[in-house]
């Protein structure tokens, strides 16, 4: 997703897939960083991350 005002790219993953804000989300092989978690919203089971 891209914020239309700031043009910052974001991705969303399930909240159980991350442990804390600031954690780096990696691809399935763990060899490429995809983004850093910027928020965790457990009630809607999401963890928005700012893409790198």
C-alpha atoms as a PDB file:
ATOM      1  CA  UNK A   1       0.000   0.000   0.000  1.00  0.00           C
ATOM      2  CA  UNK A   2       1.132   3.554  -0.596  1.00  0.00           C
ATOM      3  CA  UNK A   3       0.022   6.525   1.498  1.00  0.00           C
ATOM      4  CA  UNK A   4      -1.336   8.938  -1.152  1.00  0.00           C
ATOM      5  CA  UNK A   5      -0.265  11.999   0.836  1.00  0.00           C
ATOM      6  CA  UNK A   6       3.293  11.019   1.765  1.00  0.00           C
ATOM      7  CA  UNK A   7       4.007   8.357  -0.894  1.00  0.00           C
ATOM      8  CA  UNK A   8       5.386   6.147   1.922  1.00  0.00           C
ATOM      9  CA  UNK A   9       5.010   2.436   1.144  1.00  0.00           C
ATOM     10  CA  UNK A  10       3.426   0.164   3.754  1.00  0.00           C
ATOM     11  CA  UNK A  11       2.709  -3.554   3.963  1.00  0.00           C
ATOM     12  CA  UNK A  12       0.370  -5.404   6.292  1.00  0.00           C
ATOM     13  CA  UNK A  13       0.919  -8.817   7.845  1.00  0.00           C
ATOM     14  CA  UNK A  14      -0.879 -10.819  10.506  1.00  0.00           C
ATOM     15  CA  UNK A  15      -0.110  -9.618  14.030  1.00  0.00           C
ATOM     16  CA  UNK A  16       1.007 -13.112  15.227  1.00  0.00           C
ATOM     17  CA  UNK A  17       3.815 -13.000  12.647  1.00  0.00           C
ATOM     18  CA  UNK A  18       5.684 -10.258  14.528  1.00  0.00           C
ATOM     19  CA  UNK A  19       6.824  -9.777  18.111  1.00  0.00           C
ATOM     20  CA  UNK A  20       7.291  -6.030  18.541  1.00  0.00           C
ATOM     21  CA  UNK A  21       7.316  -2.615  16.929  1.00  0.00           C
ATOM     22  CA  UNK A  22      10.650  -2.017  15.245  1.00  0.00           C
ATOM     23  CA  UNK A  23      11.091  -5.676  14.272  1.00  0.00           C
ATOM     24  CA  UNK A  24      12.312  -6.187  10.703  1.00  0.00           C
ATOM     25  CA  UNK A  25      10.020  -8.350   8.559  1.00  0.00           C
ATOM     26  CA  UNK A  26      11.918 -10.661   6.195  1.00  0.00           C
ATOM     27  CA  UNK A  27      10.956 -12.820   3.243  1.00  0.00           C
ATOM     28  CA  UNK A  28      10.371 -16.572   3.615  1.00  0.00           C
ATOM     29  CA  UNK A  29      14.067 -17.389   3.115  1.00  0.00           C
ATOM     30  CA  UNK A  30      15.027 -14.724   5.687  1.00  0.00           C
ATOM     31  CA  UNK A  31      17.612 -13.338   3.256  1.00  0.00           C
ATOM     32  CA  UNK A  32      15.877 -10.044   2.374  1.00  0.00           C
ATOM     33  CA  UNK A  33      14.452  -7.361   4.655  1.00  0.00           C
ATOM     34  CA  UNK A  34      10.970  -6.285   3.527  1.00  0.00           C
ATOM     35  CA  UNK A  35      10.210  -3.589   6.076  1.00  0.00           C
ATOM     36  CA  UNK A  36      10.088  -2.546   9.716  1.00  0.00           C
ATOM     37  CA  UNK A  37       6.982  -2.936  11.912  1.00  0.00           C
ATOM     38  CA  UNK A  38       5.552   0.485  12.806  1.00  0.00           C
ATOM     39  CA  UNK A  39       2.348  -0.573  14.578  1.00  0.00           C
ATOM     40  CA  UNK A  40       0.607  -3.689  15.929  1.00  0.00           C
ATOM     41  CA  UNK A  41      -3.188  -3.829  16.066  1.00  0.00           C
ATOM     42  CA  UNK A  42      -4.033  -7.179  17.636  1.00  0.00           C
ATOM     43  CA  UNK A  43      -7.792  -6.544  17.673  1.00  0.00           C
ATOM     44  CA  UNK A  44      -7.812  -6.553  13.861  1.00  0.00           C
ATOM     45  CA  UNK A  45      -4.906  -9.026  13.616  1.00  0.00           C
ATOM     46  CA  UNK A  46      -2.622  -6.735  11.630  1.00  0.00           C
ATOM     47  CA  UNK A  47       0.878  -5.335  11.857  1.00  0.00           C
ATOM     48  CA  UNK A  48       1.520  -2.454   9.437  1.00  0.00           C
ATOM     49  CA  UNK A  49       5.164  -2.159   8.369  1.00  0.00           C
ATOM     50  CA  UNK A  50       6.974   0.569   6.529  1.00  0.00           C
ATOM     51  CA  UNK A  51       8.553  -1.007   3.463  1.00  0.00           C
ATOM     52  CA  UNK A  52      12.268  -0.619   2.847  1.00  0.00           C
END
